[in-house]
Structures are given as structure tokens and as C-alpha cells.
Amino acid sequence: MNIQFNNRDPVYVQVVRHFKNQIAKGFLQPGQAIPSRRELANQLKINPNTAQRAYKEMEEEGLIKTEKNQPSRVTSNESILQDLRDELIIQAVNEFVTSVKSINVPLDDALTLVKKKYEGEKGDSDD
């Protein structure tokens, strides 16, 4: 597991974000066991308390479930998984809209470019 940490956000938030992305992309499957808190701390070279805080946050959001004496596992709750995908889509759209509005791109032009890019056509910009 490899995460490029930034200095803006708390480390535990970045760990949660990483797990959310891995789940949404299908790299972590519903019901799949994830590393223990101690293993994660060792892998990422972070404080064990930071790993604990990330897992606590994910448990509170319902993303993972931990049973006594069992490894933590990715939720199998389809509603939670769909909410996660929706959250990440909305976040990406918000970032995109903020960016294109800041350079005054007309809505029709932005939608045309998105459609071309999404369908795999090459636009006027460098890829």
C-alpha cells in the first residue's frame, strides 16, 4: 500500500480518502479483510494512533466493520457503497465545475469537452 501524503490534510483523513478510493475503484471488494491497524501503521510508516483514528472514522461511516477477534472488513452494504460512489462523483464534479468556472468556460463548451473526453475522443487540448 502506497499513499503520497500531503501537508494540507490530517494524515488520518488522507488514509480514509485512500480507502474510499480503493473501495470505489473495486480494488477493495465488499467483505474483503483489510490490514490490522498495527499492520497499516507499519506499512505506511504512520503512528498507530493515526491508523486507529482512520479506522474509527471508517467504522463510523459504515465503510468497514470490525468483529471481535476478526480482521476489519470492507462493508457489504450496497447502500453505503453506492453512497460512497455518489460522494466521490459529486466531489469530482464540484472540483471540475469550480475549475472551469474560474476560467470562464461557457457551460456548453465544458459539456462538449467532457462528453468528448468521456467517450475517448481527442479534444483540442494536449493529453
N, C-alpha and C. Protein backbone atom coordinates (compact mmCIF):
# COMPACT_ATOMS: atom_id res chain seq x y z
N MET A 1 0.85 -1.18 0.00
CA MET A 1 0.00 0.00 0.00
C MET A 1 0.89 1.23 0.00
N ASN A 2 0.55 2.17 -0.87
CA ASN A 2 1.38 3.35 -1.01
C ASN A 2 0.48 4.59 -1.09
N ILE A 3 0.68 5.51 -0.18
CA ILE A 3 -0.07 6.77 -0.17
C ILE A 3 0.94 7.90 -0.17
N GLN A 4 0.74 8.86 -1.06
CA GLN A 4 1.57 10.06 -1.07
C GLN A 4 0.89 11.09 -0.18
N PHE A 5 1.41 11.28 1.02
CA PHE A 5 0.80 12.20 1.97
C PHE A 5 1.13 13.64 1.61
N ASN A 6 0.14 14.53 1.83
CA ASN A 6 0.40 15.95 1.65
C ASN A 6 0.46 16.61 3.02
N ASN A 7 0.84 17.86 3.06
CA ASN A 7 0.96 18.58 4.33
C ASN A 7 -0.29 19.38 4.67
N ARG A 8 -1.28 19.37 3.77
CA ARG A 8 -2.50 20.17 3.98
C ARG A 8 -3.49 19.47 4.91
N ASP A 9 -3.72 18.19 4.67
CA ASP A 9 -4.78 17.47 5.37
C ASP A 9 -4.20 16.57 6.45
N PRO A 10 -4.97 16.34 7.52
CA PRO A 10 -4.51 15.40 8.53
C PRO A 10 -4.27 14.02 7.91
N VAL A 11 -3.27 13.30 8.41
CA VAL A 11 -2.90 12.02 7.84
C VAL A 11 -4.07 11.04 7.89
N TYR A 12 -4.81 11.01 9.00
CA TYR A 12 -5.91 10.05 9.10
C TYR A 12 -6.96 10.31 8.03
N VAL A 13 -7.21 11.58 7.68
CA VAL A 13 -8.17 11.93 6.64
C VAL A 13 -7.67 11.41 5.29
N GLN A 14 -6.37 11.52 5.05
CA GLN A 14 -5.80 11.03 3.80
C GLN A 14 -5.89 9.51 3.72
N VAL A 15 -5.72 8.83 4.85
CA VAL A 15 -5.84 7.37 4.88
C VAL A 15 -7.29 6.98 4.56
N VAL A 16 -8.25 7.65 5.17
CA VAL A 16 -9.66 7.36 4.90
C VAL A 16 -9.95 7.60 3.42
N ARG A 17 -9.47 8.72 2.88
CA ARG A 17 -9.69 9.04 1.46
C ARG A 17 -9.11 7.94 0.57
N HIS A 18 -7.93 7.45 0.93
CA HIS A 18 -7.29 6.38 0.15
C HIS A 18 -8.18 5.12 0.15
N PHE A 19 -8.67 4.73 1.32
CA PHE A 19 -9.53 3.55 1.40
C PHE A 19 -10.82 3.76 0.61
N LYS A 20 -11.40 4.95 0.69
CA LYS A 20 -12.62 5.23 -0.07
C LYS A 20 -12.37 5.05 -1.57
N ASN A 21 -11.25 5.58 -2.03
CA ASN A 21 -10.92 5.45 -3.46
C ASN A 21 -10.70 3.99 -3.84
N GLN A 22 -10.01 3.25 -3.00
CA GLN A 22 -9.75 1.83 -3.28
C GLN A 22 -11.05 1.03 -3.32
N ILE A 23 -11.98 1.36 -2.45
CA ILE A 23 -13.28 0.68 -2.43
C ILE A 23 -14.08 1.05 -3.68
N ALA A 24 -14.15 2.35 -3.98
CA ALA A 24 -14.93 2.82 -5.12
C ALA A 24 -14.40 2.27 -6.44
N LYS A 25 -13.09 2.12 -6.55
CA LYS A 25 -12.48 1.62 -7.78
C LYS A 25 -12.52 0.10 -7.88
N GLY A 26 -12.94 -0.56 -6.80
CA GLY A 26 -13.05 -2.01 -6.82
C GLY A 26 -11.78 -2.75 -6.46
N PHE A 27 -10.75 -2.02 -6.02
CA PHE A 27 -9.51 -2.69 -5.59
C PHE A 27 -9.72 -3.39 -4.25
N LEU A 28 -10.63 -2.85 -3.45
CA LEU A 28 -11.05 -3.50 -2.21
C LEU A 28 -12.50 -3.91 -2.41
N GLN A 29 -12.76 -5.19 -2.30
CA GLN A 29 -14.09 -5.75 -2.56
C GLN A 29 -14.93 -5.79 -1.29
N PRO A 30 -16.25 -5.76 -1.43
CA PRO A 30 -17.12 -5.91 -0.26
C PRO A 30 -16.79 -7.20 0.49
N GLY A 31 -16.66 -7.09 1.80
CA GLY A 31 -16.35 -8.25 2.63
C GLY A 31 -14.87 -8.59 2.72
N GLN A 32 -14.04 -7.92 1.95
CA GLN A 32 -12.60 -8.20 1.95
C GLN A 32 -11.95 -7.71 3.24
N ALA A 33 -11.08 -8.55 3.80
CA ALA A 33 -10.33 -8.16 5.00
C ALA A 33 -9.30 -7.11 4.63
N ILE A 34 -9.09 -6.17 5.55
CA ILE A 34 -8.06 -5.14 5.36
C ILE A 34 -7.01 -5.32 6.46
N PRO A 35 -5.83 -4.73 6.28
CA PRO A 35 -4.77 -4.91 7.28
C PRO A 35 -5.22 -4.44 8.67
N SER A 36 -4.62 -5.04 9.68
CA SER A 36 -4.91 -4.58 11.04
C SER A 36 -4.38 -3.15 11.19
N ARG A 37 -4.79 -2.52 12.23
CA ARG A 37 -4.34 -1.14 12.48
C ARG A 37 -2.82 -1.09 12.60
N ARG A 38 -2.27 -2.03 13.32
CA ARG A 38 -0.81 -2.09 13.51
C ARG A 38 -0.10 -2.35 12.18
N GLU A 39 -0.64 -3.28 11.39
CA GLU A 39 -0.04 -3.57 10.08
C GLU A 39 -0.08 -2.34 9.18
N LEU A 40 -1.22 -1.65 9.19
CA LEU A 40 -1.35 -0.45 8.37
C LEU A 40 -0.35 0.61 8.80
N ALA A 41 -0.23 0.82 10.10
CA ALA A 41 0.72 1.81 10.61
C ALA A 41 2.14 1.47 10.16
N ASN A 42 2.50 0.19 10.22
CA ASN A 42 3.83 -0.24 9.79
C ASN A 42 4.02 -0.04 8.29
N GLN A 43 3.01 -0.43 7.50
CA GLN A 43 3.11 -0.30 6.04
C GLN A 43 3.27 1.15 5.61
N LEU A 44 2.50 2.04 6.25
CA LEU A 44 2.50 3.45 5.84
C LEU A 44 3.50 4.30 6.62
N LYS A 45 4.12 3.69 7.62
CA LYS A 45 5.07 4.40 8.48
C LYS A 45 4.39 5.60 9.14
N ILE A 46 3.23 5.31 9.74
CA ILE A 46 2.49 6.34 10.46
C ILE A 46 2.29 5.88 11.90
N ASN A 47 1.92 6.80 12.75
CA ASN A 47 1.67 6.50 14.15
C ASN A 47 0.49 5.53 14.26
N PRO A 48 0.58 4.49 15.09
CA PRO A 48 -0.56 3.57 15.26
C PRO A 48 -1.85 4.27 15.69
N ASN A 49 -1.73 5.34 16.46
CA ASN A 49 -2.92 6.09 16.86
C ASN A 49 -3.60 6.74 15.65
N THR A 50 -2.81 7.12 14.67
CA THR A 50 -3.35 7.71 13.44
C THR A 50 -4.12 6.64 12.66
N ALA A 51 -3.55 5.45 12.57
CA ALA A 51 -4.24 4.35 11.91
C ALA A 51 -5.54 4.03 12.65
N GLN A 52 -5.48 4.01 13.97
CA GLN A 52 -6.67 3.74 14.78
C GLN A 52 -7.75 4.79 14.50
N ARG A 53 -7.35 6.05 14.42
CA ARG A 53 -8.32 7.11 14.17
C ARG A 53 -8.96 6.97 12.79
N ALA A 54 -8.16 6.59 11.79
CA ALA A 54 -8.70 6.39 10.43
C ALA A 54 -9.71 5.24 10.44
N TYR A 55 -9.39 4.14 11.11
CA TYR A 55 -10.30 3.00 11.15
C TYR A 55 -11.58 3.37 11.91
N LYS A 56 -11.45 4.13 12.99
CA LYS A 56 -12.62 4.56 13.76
C LYS A 56 -13.53 5.40 12.87
N GLU A 57 -12.95 6.30 12.10
CA GLU A 57 -13.72 7.14 11.19
C GLU A 57 -14.43 6.28 10.15
N MET A 58 -13.73 5.31 9.59
CA MET A 58 -14.35 4.45 8.57
C MET A 58 -15.45 3.57 9.17
N GLU A 59 -15.26 3.14 10.41
CA GLU A 59 -16.31 2.36 11.08
C GLU A 59 -17.54 3.22 11.32
N GLU A 60 -17.34 4.47 11.74
CA GLU A 60 -18.46 5.38 11.99
C GLU A 60 -19.23 5.68 10.70
N GLU A 61 -18.51 5.72 9.57
CA GLU A 61 -19.16 5.96 8.28
C GLU A 61 -19.76 4.69 7.70
N GLY A 62 -19.49 3.55 8.35
CA GLY A 62 -20.03 2.28 7.88
C GLY A 62 -19.24 1.65 6.75
N LEU A 63 -18.08 2.19 6.44
CA LEU A 63 -17.27 1.66 5.33
C LEU A 63 -16.62 0.33 5.67
N ILE A 64 -16.26 0.16 6.94
CA ILE A 64 -15.67 -1.09 7.38
C ILE A 64 -16.42 -1.58 8.61
N LYS A 65 -16.28 -2.86 8.85
CA LYS A 65 -16.92 -3.48 10.00
C LYS A 65 -15.87 -4.32 10.71
N THR A 66 -15.83 -4.23 12.03
CA THR A 66 -14.87 -4.99 12.80
C THR A 66 -15.61 -5.82 13.84
N GLU A 67 -15.43 -7.12 13.76
CA GLU A 67 -16.00 -8.06 14.73
C GLU A 67 -14.90 -8.42 15.72
N LYS A 68 -15.29 -8.84 16.91
CA LYS A 68 -14.30 -9.23 17.91
C LYS A 68 -13.38 -10.32 17.39
N ASN A 69 -12.09 -10.14 17.60
CA ASN A 69 -11.07 -11.12 17.24
C ASN A 69 -11.08 -11.49 15.76
N GLN A 70 -11.62 -10.63 14.93
CA GLN A 70 -11.65 -10.84 13.48
C GLN A 70 -11.02 -9.62 12.81
N PRO A 71 -10.48 -9.82 11.61
CA PRO A 71 -9.95 -8.65 10.90
C PRO A 71 -11.08 -7.71 10.48
N SER A 72 -10.77 -6.45 10.36
CA SER A 72 -11.74 -5.50 9.84
C SER A 72 -11.99 -5.84 8.38
N ARG A 73 -13.23 -5.63 7.95
CA ARG A 73 -13.61 -5.95 6.57
C ARG A 73 -14.38 -4.79 5.95
N VAL A 74 -14.25 -4.68 4.62
CA VAL A 74 -15.00 -3.69 3.86
C VAL A 74 -16.47 -4.06 3.95
N THR A 75 -17.32 -3.06 4.11
CA THR A 75 -18.75 -3.32 4.21
C THR A 75 -19.28 -4.01 2.96
N SER A 76 -20.33 -4.79 3.15
CA SER A 76 -21.04 -5.40 2.04
C SER A 76 -22.37 -4.70 1.79
N ASN A 77 -22.63 -3.64 2.54
CA ASN A 77 -23.88 -2.89 2.45
C ASN A 77 -23.88 -2.08 1.15
N GLU A 78 -24.71 -2.50 0.20
CA GLU A 78 -24.75 -1.85 -1.12
C GLU A 78 -25.15 -0.39 -1.03
N SER A 79 -26.01 -0.04 -0.10
CA SER A 79 -26.44 1.34 0.06
C SER A 79 -25.26 2.24 0.45
N ILE A 80 -24.45 1.76 1.38
CA ILE A 80 -23.26 2.52 1.80
C ILE A 80 -22.27 2.62 0.65
N LEU A 81 -22.09 1.53 -0.09
CA LEU A 81 -21.15 1.54 -1.22
C LEU A 81 -21.62 2.50 -2.31
N GLN A 82 -22.94 2.53 -2.57
CA GLN A 82 -23.47 3.46 -3.57
C GLN A 82 -23.32 4.90 -3.09
N ASP A 83 -23.58 5.15 -1.81
CA ASP A 83 -23.39 6.49 -1.25
C ASP A 83 -21.93 6.94 -1.41
N LEU A 84 -21.00 6.01 -1.21
CA LEU A 84 -19.57 6.33 -1.37
C LEU A 84 -19.27 6.73 -2.81
N ARG A 85 -19.76 5.94 -3.76
CA ARG A 85 -19.54 6.28 -5.18
C ARG A 85 -20.14 7.64 -5.50
N ASP A 86 -21.36 7.88 -5.01
CA ASP A 86 -22.01 9.17 -5.24
C ASP A 86 -21.19 10.32 -4.65
N GLU A 87 -20.69 10.12 -3.44
CA GLU A 87 -19.88 11.14 -2.77
C GLU A 87 -18.64 11.49 -3.60
N LEU A 88 -17.96 10.47 -4.12
CA LEU A 88 -16.75 10.71 -4.89
C LEU A 88 -17.06 11.36 -6.24
N ILE A 89 -18.18 10.98 -6.85
CA ILE A 89 -18.58 11.60 -8.12
C ILE A 89 -18.90 13.08 -7.89
N ILE A 90 -19.66 13.37 -6.87
CA ILE A 90 -20.03 14.76 -6.57
C ILE A 90 -18.79 15.60 -6.27
N GLN A 91 -17.86 15.02 -5.53
CA GLN A 91 -16.61 15.72 -5.22
C GLN A 91 -15.84 16.04 -6.50
N ALA A 92 -15.73 15.08 -7.40
CA ALA A 92 -15.01 15.29 -8.66
C ALA A 92 -15.71 16.35 -9.52
N VAL A 93 -17.04 16.28 -9.60
CA VAL A 93 -17.80 17.25 -10.38
C VAL A 93 -17.63 18.65 -9.79
N ASN A 94 -17.70 18.76 -8.47
CA ASN A 94 -17.54 20.07 -7.84
C ASN A 94 -16.17 20.67 -8.15
N GLU A 95 -15.12 19.85 -8.08
CA GLU A 95 -13.77 20.34 -8.40
C GLU A 95 -13.68 20.79 -9.85
N PHE A 96 -14.28 20.00 -10.74
CA PHE A 96 -14.26 20.34 -12.16
C PHE A 96 -15.00 21.66 -12.42
N VAL A 97 -16.21 21.76 -11.88
CA VAL A 97 -17.02 22.96 -12.10
C VAL A 97 -16.31 24.20 -11.56
N THR A 98 -15.74 24.08 -10.37
CA THR A 98 -15.01 25.21 -9.80
C THR A 98 -13.86 25.62 -10.72
N SER A 99 -13.14 24.65 -11.25
CA SER A 99 -12.01 24.95 -12.14
C SER A 99 -12.44 25.62 -13.43
N VAL A 100 -13.45 25.07 -14.10
CA VAL A 100 -13.84 25.65 -15.39
C VAL A 100 -14.53 26.99 -15.22
N LYS A 101 -15.28 27.17 -14.12
CA LYS A 101 -15.91 28.47 -13.89
C LYS A 101 -14.87 29.54 -13.62
N SER A 102 -13.76 29.16 -12.97
CA SER A 102 -12.74 30.15 -12.64
C SER A 102 -12.04 30.70 -13.88
N ILE A 103 -12.11 29.95 -14.98
CA ILE A 103 -11.51 30.46 -16.23
C ILE A 103 -12.59 30.79 -17.27
N ASN A 104 -13.82 30.96 -16.76
CA ASN A 104 -14.94 31.45 -17.57
C ASN A 104 -15.24 30.59 -18.80
N VAL A 105 -15.20 29.28 -18.65
CA VAL A 105 -15.57 28.39 -19.76
C VAL A 105 -17.09 28.32 -19.82
N PRO A 106 -17.67 28.61 -20.98
CA PRO A 106 -19.13 28.51 -21.11
C PRO A 106 -19.59 27.07 -20.85
N LEU A 107 -20.77 26.93 -20.25
CA LEU A 107 -21.29 25.62 -19.89
C LEU A 107 -21.36 24.67 -21.09
N ASP A 108 -21.86 25.15 -22.22
CA ASP A 108 -21.97 24.28 -23.40
C ASP A 108 -20.60 23.77 -23.84
N ASP A 109 -19.58 24.64 -23.80
CA ASP A 109 -18.23 24.23 -24.18
C ASP A 109 -17.69 23.18 -23.20
N ALA A 110 -17.93 23.40 -21.91
CA ALA A 110 -17.45 22.45 -20.90
C ALA A 110 -18.13 21.10 -21.08
N LEU A 111 -19.44 21.10 -21.32
CA LEU A 111 -20.16 19.84 -21.51
C LEU A 111 -19.69 19.11 -22.76
N THR A 112 -19.43 19.84 -23.83
CA THR A 112 -18.93 19.23 -25.06
C THR A 112 -17.57 18.58 -24.82
N LEU A 113 -16.70 19.30 -24.12
CA LEU A 113 -15.37 18.74 -23.84
C LEU A 113 -15.45 17.51 -22.94
N VAL A 114 -16.32 17.56 -21.95
CA VAL A 114 -16.49 16.41 -21.05
C VAL A 114 -17.00 15.21 -21.84
N LYS A 115 -17.98 15.43 -22.69
CA LYS A 115 -18.54 14.33 -23.48
C LYS A 115 -17.48 13.70 -24.38
N LYS A 116 -16.69 14.53 -25.05
CA LYS A 116 -15.62 14.02 -25.91
C LYS A 116 -14.60 13.22 -25.11
N LYS A 117 -14.18 13.77 -23.99
CA LYS A 117 -13.18 13.11 -23.16
C LYS A 117 -13.72 11.80 -22.61
N TYR A 118 -14.96 11.82 -22.15
CA TYR A 118 -15.58 10.64 -21.55
C TYR A 118 -15.72 9.52 -22.58
N GLU A 119 -16.03 9.90 -23.82
CA GLU A 119 -16.22 8.91 -24.88
C GLU A 119 -14.90 8.53 -25.55
N GLY A 120 -13.79 9.14 -25.10
CA GLY A 120 -12.48 8.75 -25.60
C GLY A 120 -12.01 9.48 -26.83
N GLU A 121 -12.72 10.52 -27.25
CA GLU A 121 -12.27 11.30 -28.39
C GLU A 121 -11.21 12.27 -27.94
N LYS A 122 -10.31 12.60 -28.84
CA LYS A 122 -9.26 13.54 -28.52
C LYS A 122 -9.76 14.96 -28.78
N GLY A 123 -9.65 15.80 -27.76
CA GLY A 123 -10.08 17.19 -27.89
C GLY A 123 -8.95 18.06 -28.40
N ASP A 124 -9.12 19.36 -28.29
CA ASP A 124 -8.12 20.32 -28.75
C ASP A 124 -6.96 20.46 -27.78
N SER A 125 -7.11 19.94 -26.56
CA SER A 125 -6.04 20.10 -25.58
C SER A 125 -5.06 18.95 -25.66
N ASP A 126 -3.88 19.17 -25.10
CA ASP A 126 -2.87 18.11 -25.04
C ASP A 126 -3.24 17.14 -23.94
N ASP A 127 -3.11 15.84 -24.20
CA ASP A 127 -3.42 14.83 -23.18
C ASP A 127 -2.22 14.39 -22.44
